[in-house]
Amino acid sequence: MSLADRVAERARAKPVRQVGFFSRLSPEHQAELLEVRRRFQSGGLGSASALADLLIEEAAADGIELCGPQGLRVWLARRD
């Protein structure tokens, strides 16, 4: 069996996991992060880079695991 065939076979057998960090959070933590994002998007919290670093640090202090800074910057910019 070729490498391509083996990879394709394993990829088909692997369960699809498209659960982002946000959906793994409790409803309370989701609400808090949505409020931070709302404030950020209204222009009150500085740069996305600095805010992402602060969010990760503060959440970790509370035992909350978020994603990395780049993913959080993308999430902060989302308008959904």
PDB file of N, CA and C in Angstrom:
ATOM      1  N   MET A   1       0.853  -1.176   0.000  1.00  0.00           N
ATOM      2  CA  MET A   1       0.000   0.000   0.000  1.00  0.00           C
ATOM      3  C   MET A   1       0.900   1.241   0.000  1.00  0.00           C
ATOM      4  N   SER A   2       0.554   2.229  -0.806  1.00  0.00           N
ATOM      5  CA  SER A   2       1.386   3.429  -0.922  1.00  0.00           C
ATOM      6  C   SER A   2       1.186   4.344   0.290  1.00  0.00           C
ATOM      7  N   LEU A   3       2.095   5.273   0.446  1.00  0.00           N
ATOM      8  CA  LEU A   3       2.006   6.253   1.523  1.00  0.00           C
ATOM      9  C   LEU A   3       0.695   7.040   1.416  1.00  0.00           C
ATOM     10  N   ALA A   4       0.372   7.494   0.218  1.00  0.00           N
ATOM     11  CA  ALA A   4      -0.864   8.254   0.018  1.00  0.00           C
ATOM     12  C   ALA A   4      -2.084   7.435   0.416  1.00  0.00           C
ATOM     13  N   ASP A   5      -2.091   6.148   0.061  1.00  0.00           N
ATOM     14  CA  ASP A   5      -3.215   5.283   0.416  1.00  0.00           C
ATOM     15  C   ASP A   5      -3.314   5.101   1.921  1.00  0.00           C
ATOM     16  N   ARG A   6      -2.173   4.903   2.569  1.00  0.00           N
ATOM     17  CA  ARG A   6      -2.178   4.707   4.024  1.00  0.00           C
ATOM     18  C   ARG A   6      -2.660   5.964   4.747  1.00  0.00           C
ATOM     19  N   VAL A   7      -2.183   7.124   4.310  1.00  0.00           N
ATOM     20  CA  VAL A   7      -2.603   8.380   4.933  1.00  0.00           C
ATOM     21  C   VAL A   7      -4.095   8.606   4.717  1.00  0.00           C
ATOM     22  N   ALA A   8      -4.570   8.371   3.502  1.00  0.00           N
ATOM     23  CA  ALA A   8      -5.991   8.549   3.206  1.00  0.00           C
ATOM     24  C   ALA A   8      -6.845   7.611   4.056  1.00  0.00           C
ATOM     25  N   GLU A   9      -6.401   6.380   4.210  1.00  0.00           N
ATOM     26  CA  GLU A   9      -7.146   5.404   5.014  1.00  0.00           C
ATOM     27  C   GLU A   9      -7.216   5.851   6.469  1.00  0.00           C
ATOM     28  N   ARG A  10      -6.097   6.293   7.019  1.00  0.00           N
ATOM     29  CA  ARG A  10      -6.076   6.739   8.415  1.00  0.00           C
ATOM     30  C   ARG A  10      -6.883   8.014   8.602  1.00  0.00           C
ATOM     31  N   ALA A  11      -6.845   8.910   7.627  1.00  0.00           N
ATOM     32  CA  ALA A  11      -7.600  10.160   7.733  1.00  0.00           C
ATOM     33  C   ALA A  11      -9.102   9.879   7.745  1.00  0.00           C
ATOM     34  N   ARG A  12      -9.537   8.927   6.942  1.00  0.00           N
ATOM     35  CA  ARG A  12     -10.960   8.569   6.918  1.00  0.00           C
ATOM     36  C   ARG A  12     -11.394   7.920   8.222  1.00  0.00           C
ATOM     37  N   ALA A  13     -10.500   7.166   8.839  1.00  0.00           N
ATOM     38  CA  ALA A  13     -10.835   6.450  10.063  1.00  0.00           C
ATOM     39  C   ALA A  13     -10.784   7.344  11.300  1.00  0.00           C
ATOM     40  N   LYS A  14     -10.067   8.473  11.217  1.00  0.00           N
ATOM     41  CA  LYS A  14      -9.914   9.356  12.361  1.00  0.00           C
ATOM     42  C   LYS A  14     -11.176  10.202  12.524  1.00  0.00           C
ATOM     43  N   PRO A  15     -11.704  10.276  13.735  1.00  0.00           N
ATOM     44  CA  PRO A  15     -12.904  11.095  13.954  1.00  0.00           C
ATOM     45  C   PRO A  15     -12.597  12.568  13.715  1.00  0.00           C
ATOM     46  N   VAL A  16     -13.573  13.252  13.159  1.00  0.00           N
ATOM     47  CA  VAL A  16     -13.422  14.675  12.885  1.00  0.00           C
ATOM     48  C   VAL A  16     -13.679  15.446  14.170  1.00  0.00           C
ATOM     49  N   ARG A  17     -12.729  16.274  14.537  1.00  0.00           N
ATOM     50  CA  ARG A  17     -12.868  17.076  15.754  1.00  0.00           C
ATOM     51  C   ARG A  17     -12.697  18.535  15.381  1.00  0.00           C
ATOM     52  N   GLN A  18     -13.791  19.250  15.309  1.00  0.00           N
ATOM     53  CA  GLN A  18     -13.739  20.656  14.964  1.00  0.00           C
ATOM     54  C   GLN A  18     -14.325  21.488  16.094  1.00  0.00           C
ATOM     55  N   VAL A  19     -13.937  21.169  17.294  1.00  0.00           N
ATOM     56  CA  VAL A  19     -14.429  21.882  18.450  1.00  0.00           C
ATOM     57  C   VAL A  19     -13.367  22.885  18.865  1.00  0.00           C
ATOM     58  N   GLY A  20     -13.696  24.153  18.777  1.00  0.00           N
ATOM     59  CA  GLY A  20     -12.762  25.188  19.157  1.00  0.00           C
ATOM     60  C   GLY A  20     -12.745  25.415  20.659  1.00  0.00           C
ATOM     61  N   PHE A  21     -11.814  26.257  21.093  1.00  0.00           N
ATOM     62  CA  PHE A  21     -11.661  26.509  22.523  1.00  0.00           C
ATOM     63  C   PHE A  21     -12.940  27.073  23.137  1.00  0.00           C
ATOM     64  N   PHE A  22     -13.631  27.929  22.398  1.00  0.00           N
ATOM     65  CA  PHE A  22     -14.797  28.616  22.949  1.00  0.00           C
ATOM     66  C   PHE A  22     -15.906  27.638  23.326  1.00  0.00           C
ATOM     67  N   SER A  23     -16.153  26.655  22.495  1.00  0.00           N
ATOM     68  CA  SER A  23     -17.242  25.710  22.766  1.00  0.00           C
ATOM     69  C   SER A  23     -16.926  24.775  23.933  1.00  0.00           C
ATOM     70  N   ARG A  24     -15.665  24.704  24.313  1.00  0.00           N
ATOM     71  CA  ARG A  24     -15.292  23.865  25.466  1.00  0.00           C
ATOM     72  C   ARG A  24     -15.457  24.605  26.796  1.00  0.00           C
ATOM     73  N   LEU A  25     -15.717  25.905  26.746  1.00  0.00           N
ATOM     74  CA  LEU A  25     -15.854  26.695  27.959  1.00  0.00           C
ATOM     75  C   LEU A  25     -17.257  26.587  28.531  1.00  0.00           C
ATOM     76  N   SER A  26     -17.368  26.859  29.817  1.00  0.00           N
ATOM     77  CA  SER A  26     -18.691  26.890  30.453  1.00  0.00           C
ATOM     78  C   SER A  26     -19.475  28.082  29.916  1.00  0.00           C
ATOM     79  N   PRO A  27     -20.782  28.048  30.014  1.00  0.00           N
ATOM     80  CA  PRO A  27     -21.588  29.194  29.565  1.00  0.00           C
ATOM     81  C   PRO A  27     -21.189  30.507  30.248  1.00  0.00           C
ATOM     82  N   GLU A  28     -20.806  30.435  31.506  1.00  0.00           N
ATOM     83  CA  GLU A  28     -20.397  31.637  32.234  1.00  0.00           C
ATOM     84  C   GLU A  28     -19.117  32.222  31.646  1.00  0.00           C
ATOM     85  N   HIS A  29     -18.153  31.362  31.362  1.00  0.00           N
ATOM     86  CA  HIS A  29     -16.895  31.830  30.778  1.00  0.00           C
ATOM     87  C   HIS A  29     -17.100  32.321  29.347  1.00  0.00           C
ATOM     88  N   GLN A  30     -17.979  31.655  28.617  1.00  0.00           N
ATOM     89  CA  GLN A  30     -18.300  32.126  27.268  1.00  0.00           C
ATOM     90  C   GLN A  30     -18.861  33.542  27.321  1.00  0.00           C
ATOM     91  N   ALA A  31     -19.784  33.778  28.247  1.00  0.00           N
ATOM     92  CA  ALA A  31     -20.395  35.108  28.380  1.00  0.00           C
ATOM     93  C   ALA A  31     -19.340  36.162  28.722  1.00  0.00           C
ATOM     94  N   GLU A  32     -18.420  35.815  29.600  1.00  0.00           N
ATOM     95  CA  GLU A  32     -17.366  36.760  29.966  1.00  0.00           C
ATOM     96  C   GLU A  32     -16.477  37.085  28.768  1.00  0.00           C
ATOM     97  N   LEU A  33     -16.090  36.061  28.024  1.00  0.00           N
ATOM     98  CA  LEU A  33     -15.243  36.309  26.857  1.00  0.00           C
ATOM     99  C   LEU A  33     -15.973  37.101  25.787  1.00  0.00           C
ATOM    100  N   LEU A  34     -17.252  36.834  25.598  1.00  0.00           N
ATOM    101  CA  LEU A  34     -18.029  37.611  24.631  1.00  0.00           C
ATOM    102  C   LEU A  34     -18.098  39.077  25.034  1.00  0.00           C
ATOM    103  N   GLU A  35     -18.184  39.340  26.323  1.00  0.00           N
ATOM    104  CA  GLU A  35     -18.195  40.723  26.796  1.00  0.00           C
ATOM    105  C   GLU A  35     -16.840  41.398  26.545  1.00  0.00           C
ATOM    106  N   VAL A  36     -15.758  40.674  26.789  1.00  0.00           N
ATOM    107  CA  VAL A  36     -14.430  41.217  26.491  1.00  0.00           C
ATOM    108  C   VAL A  36     -14.320  41.526  25.002  1.00  0.00           C
ATOM    109  N   ARG A  37     -14.787  40.604  24.161  1.00  0.00           N
ATOM    110  CA  ARG A  37     -14.725  40.829  22.713  1.00  0.00           C
ATOM    111  C   ARG A  37     -15.573  42.027  22.301  1.00  0.00           C
ATOM    112  N   ARG A  38     -16.755  42.167  22.886  1.00  0.00           N
ATOM    113  CA  ARG A  38     -17.609  43.309  22.579  1.00  0.00           C
ATOM    114  C   ARG A  38     -16.902  44.617  22.931  1.00  0.00           C
ATOM    115  N   ARG A  39     -16.278  44.652  24.109  1.00  0.00           N
ATOM    116  CA  ARG A  39     -15.562  45.861  24.531  1.00  0.00           C
ATOM    117  C   ARG A  39     -14.359  46.130  23.627  1.00  0.00           C
ATOM    118  N   PHE A  40     -13.668  45.072  23.246  1.00  0.00           N
ATOM    119  CA  PHE A  40     -12.529  45.233  22.341  1.00  0.00           C
ATOM    120  C   PHE A  40     -12.981  45.817  21.007  1.00  0.00           C
ATOM    121  N   GLN A  41     -14.049  45.260  20.468  1.00  0.00           N
ATOM    122  CA  GLN A  41     -14.514  45.703  19.159  1.00  0.00           C
ATOM    123  C   GLN A  41     -15.085  47.119  19.191  1.00  0.00           C
ATOM    124  N   SER A  42     -15.471  47.578  20.362  1.00  0.00           N
ATOM    125  CA  SER A  42     -15.948  48.955  20.469  1.00  0.00           C
ATOM    126  C   SER A  42     -14.786  49.927  20.661  1.00  0.00           C
ATOM    127  N   GLY A  43     -13.581  49.395  20.739  1.00  0.00           N
ATOM    128  CA  GLY A  43     -12.390  50.236  20.782  1.00  0.00           C
ATOM    129  C   GLY A  43     -11.875  50.570  22.161  1.00  0.00           C
ATOM    130  N   GLY A  44     -12.319  49.871  23.162  1.00  0.00           N
ATOM    131  CA  GLY A  44     -11.932  50.243  24.513  1.00  0.00           C
ATOM    132  C   GLY A  44     -10.825  49.449  25.166  1.00  0.00           C
ATOM    133  N   LEU A  45     -10.198  48.511  24.460  1.00  0.00           N
ATOM    134  CA  LEU A  45      -9.237  47.650  25.151  1.00  0.00           C
ATOM    135  C   LEU A  45      -7.878  47.535  24.465  1.00  0.00           C
ATOM    136  N   GLY A  46      -7.533  48.438  23.605  1.00  0.00           N
ATOM    137  CA  GLY A  46      -6.211  48.424  22.991  1.00  0.00           C
ATOM    138  C   GLY A  46      -6.085  47.441  21.848  1.00  0.00           C
ATOM    139  N   SER A  47      -4.856  46.982  21.641  1.00  0.00           N
ATOM    140  CA  SER A  47      -4.556  46.122  20.492  1.00  0.00           C
ATOM    141  C   SER A  47      -4.976  44.679  20.740  1.00  0.00           C
ATOM    142  N   ALA A  48      -5.258  43.976  19.658  1.00  0.00           N
ATOM    143  CA  ALA A  48      -5.644  42.568  19.746  1.00  0.00           C
ATOM    144  C   ALA A  48      -4.503  41.727  20.302  1.00  0.00           C
ATOM    145  N   SER A  49      -3.274  42.044  19.925  1.00  0.00           N
ATOM    146  CA  SER A  49      -2.123  41.263  20.399  1.00  0.00           C
ATOM    147  C   SER A  49      -1.967  41.374  21.908  1.00  0.00           C
ATOM    148  N   ALA A  50      -1.991  42.600  22.404  1.00  0.00           N
ATOM    149  CA  ALA A  50      -1.840  42.800  23.845  1.00  0.00           C
ATOM    150  C   ALA A  50      -3.007  42.180  24.602  1.00  0.00           C
ATOM    151  N   LEU A  51      -4.212  42.361  24.073  1.00  0.00           N
ATOM    152  CA  LEU A  51      -5.394  41.819  24.737  1.00  0.00           C
ATOM    153  C   LEU A  51      -5.371  40.292  24.754  1.00  0.00           C
ATOM    154  N   ALA A  52      -4.965  39.685  23.659  1.00  0.00           N
ATOM    155  CA  ALA A  52      -4.893  38.213  23.611  1.00  0.00           C
ATOM    156  C   ALA A  52      -3.942  37.699  24.681  1.00  0.00           C
ATOM    157  N   ASP A  53      -2.788  38.336  24.809  1.00  0.00           N
ATOM    158  CA  ASP A  53      -1.823  37.912  25.831  1.00  0.00           C
ATOM    159  C   ASP A  53      -2.405  38.068  27.235  1.00  0.00           C
ATOM    160  N   LEU A  54      -3.066  39.193  27.485  1.00  0.00           N
ATOM    161  CA  LEU A  54      -3.687  39.419  28.793  1.00  0.00           C
ATOM    162  C   LEU A  54      -4.787  38.402  29.079  1.00  0.00           C
ATOM    163  N   LEU A  55      -5.612  38.139  28.089  1.00  0.00           N
ATOM    164  CA  LEU A  55      -6.691  37.170  28.271  1.00  0.00           C
ATOM    165  C   LEU A  55      -6.155  35.784  28.601  1.00  0.00           C
ATOM    166  N   ILE A  56      -5.155  35.360  27.881  1.00  0.00           N
ATOM    167  CA  ILE A  56      -4.568  34.044  28.127  1.00  0.00           C
ATOM    168  C   ILE A  56      -4.001  33.974  29.535  1.00  0.00           C
ATOM    169  N   GLU A  57      -3.305  35.020  29.935  1.00  0.00           N
ATOM    170  CA  GLU A  57      -2.696  35.065  31.265  1.00  0.00           C
ATOM    171  C   GLU A  57      -3.751  35.060  32.370  1.00  0.00           C
ATOM    172  N   GLU A  58      -4.745  35.916  32.244  1.00  0.00           N
ATOM    173  CA  GLU A  58      -5.792  36.003  33.269  1.00  0.00           C
ATOM    174  C   GLU A  58      -6.639  34.729  33.322  1.00  0.00           C
ATOM    175  N   ALA A  59      -6.966  34.179  32.176  1.00  0.00           N
ATOM    176  CA  ALA A  59      -7.751  32.945  32.150  1.00  0.00           C
ATOM    177  C   ALA A  59      -6.966  31.801  32.785  1.00  0.00           C
ATOM    178  N   ALA A  60      -5.680  31.716  32.480  1.00  0.00           N
ATOM    179  CA  ALA A  60      -4.848  30.659  33.067  1.00  0.00           C
ATOM    180  C   ALA A  60      -4.793  30.787  34.582  1.00  0.00           C
ATOM    181  N   ALA A  61      -4.761  32.015  35.089  1.00  0.00           N
ATOM    182  CA  ALA A  61      -4.749  32.230  36.539  1.00  0.00           C
ATOM    183  C   ALA A  61      -6.027  31.697  37.180  1.00  0.00           C
ATOM    184  N   ASP A  62      -7.115  31.672  36.414  1.00  0.00           N
ATOM    185  CA  ASP A  62      -8.385  31.121  36.898  1.00  0.00           C
ATOM    186  C   ASP A  62      -8.575  29.655  36.528  1.00  0.00           C
ATOM    187  N   GLY A  63      -7.548  29.039  35.928  1.00  0.00           N
ATOM    188  CA  GLY A  63      -7.630  27.633  35.542  1.00  0.00           C
ATOM    189  C   GLY A  63      -8.400  27.397  34.256  1.00  0.00           C
ATOM    190  N   ILE A  64      -8.539  28.441  33.441  1.00  0.00           N
ATOM    191  CA  ILE A  64      -9.287  28.334  32.184  1.00  0.00           C
ATOM    192  C   ILE A  64      -8.287  28.251  31.042  1.00  0.00           C
ATOM    193  N   GLU A  65      -8.416  27.207  30.230  1.00  0.00           N
ATOM    194  CA  GLU A  65      -7.517  27.026  29.103  1.00  0.00           C
ATOM    195  C   GLU A  65      -8.155  27.577  27.835  1.00  0.00           C
ATOM    196  N   LEU A  66      -7.494  28.553  27.244  1.00  0.00           N
ATOM    197  CA  LEU A  66      -7.943  29.114  25.973  1.00  0.00           C
ATOM    198  C   LEU A  66      -7.051  28.560  24.874  1.00  0.00           C
ATOM    199  N   CYS A  67      -7.062  29.185  23.731  1.00  0.00           N
ATOM    200  CA  CYS A  67      -6.163  28.792  22.645  1.00  0.00           C
ATOM    201  C   CYS A  67      -4.917  29.669  22.703  1.00  0.00           C
ATOM    202  N   GLY A  68      -4.072  29.589  21.702  1.00  0.00           N
ATOM    203  CA  GLY A  68      -2.877  30.408  21.648  1.00  0.00           C
ATOM    204  C   GLY A  68      -3.188  31.845  21.261  1.00  0.00           C
ATOM    205  N   PRO A  69      -2.206  32.734  21.359  1.00  0.00           N
ATOM    206  CA  PRO A  69      -2.437  34.147  21.067  1.00  0.00           C
ATOM    207  C   PRO A  69      -2.937  34.425  19.657  1.00  0.00           C
ATOM    208  N   GLN A  70      -2.400  33.740  18.670  1.00  0.00           N
ATOM    209  CA  GLN A  70      -2.833  33.990  17.295  1.00  0.00           C
ATOM    210  C   GLN A  70      -4.301  33.612  17.107  1.00  0.00           C
ATOM    211  N   GLY A  71      -4.687  32.464  17.613  1.00  0.00           N
ATOM    212  CA  GLY A  71      -6.084  32.044  17.517  1.00  0.00           C
ATOM    213  C   GLY A  71      -7.015  32.982  18.263  1.00  0.00           C
ATOM    214  N   LEU A  72      -6.559  33.481  19.390  1.00  0.00           N
ATOM    215  CA  LEU A  72      -7.381  34.399  20.167  1.00  0.00           C
ATOM    216  C   LEU A  72      -7.517  35.749  19.465  1.00  0.00           C
ATOM    217  N   ARG A  73      -6.467  36.201  18.807  1.00  0.00           N
ATOM    218  CA  ARG A  73      -6.565  37.445  18.027  1.00  0.00           C
ATOM    219  C   ARG A  73      -7.594  37.295  16.905  1.00  0.00           C
ATOM    220  N   VAL A  74      -7.586  36.146  16.244  1.00  0.00           N
ATOM    221  CA  VAL A  74      -8.577  35.893  15.203  1.00  0.00           C
ATOM    222  C   VAL A  74      -9.973  35.882  15.797  1.00  0.00           C
ATOM    223  N   TRP A  75     -10.138  35.227  16.928  1.00  0.00           N
ATOM    224  CA  TRP A  75     -11.440  35.144  17.584  1.00  0.00           C
ATOM    225  C   TRP A  75     -11.930  36.532  18.001  1.00  0.00           C
ATOM    226  N   LEU A  76     -11.042  37.350  18.516  1.00  0.00           N
ATOM    227  CA  LEU A  76     -11.414  38.706  18.915  1.00  0.00           C
ATOM    228  C   LEU A  76     -11.942  39.533  17.746  1.00  0.00           C
ATOM    229  N   ALA A  77     -11.414  39.294  16.556  1.00  0.00           N
ATOM    230  CA  ALA A  77     -11.806  40.054  15.372  1.00  0.00           C
ATOM    231  C   ALA A  77     -13.101  39.558  14.743  1.00  0.00           C
ATOM    232  N   ARG A  78     -13.531  38.356  15.086  1.00  0.00           N
ATOM    233  CA  ARG A  78     -14.742  37.789  14.486  1.00  0.00           C
ATOM    234  C   ARG A  78     -15.971  38.607  14.827  1.00  0.00           C
ATOM    235  N   ARG A  79     -16.863  38.713  13.892  1.00  0.00           N
ATOM    236  CA  ARG A  79     -18.112  39.476  14.088  1.00  0.00           C
ATOM    237  C   ARG A  79     -19.309  38.550  13.948  1.00  0.00           C
ATOM    238  N   ASP A  80     -19.415  37.561  14.825  1.00  0.00           N
ATOM    239  CA  ASP A  80     -20.536  36.626  14.725  1.00  0.00           C
ATOM    240  C   ASP A  80     -21.475  36.707  15.897  1.00  0.00           C
TER     241      ASP A  80
END
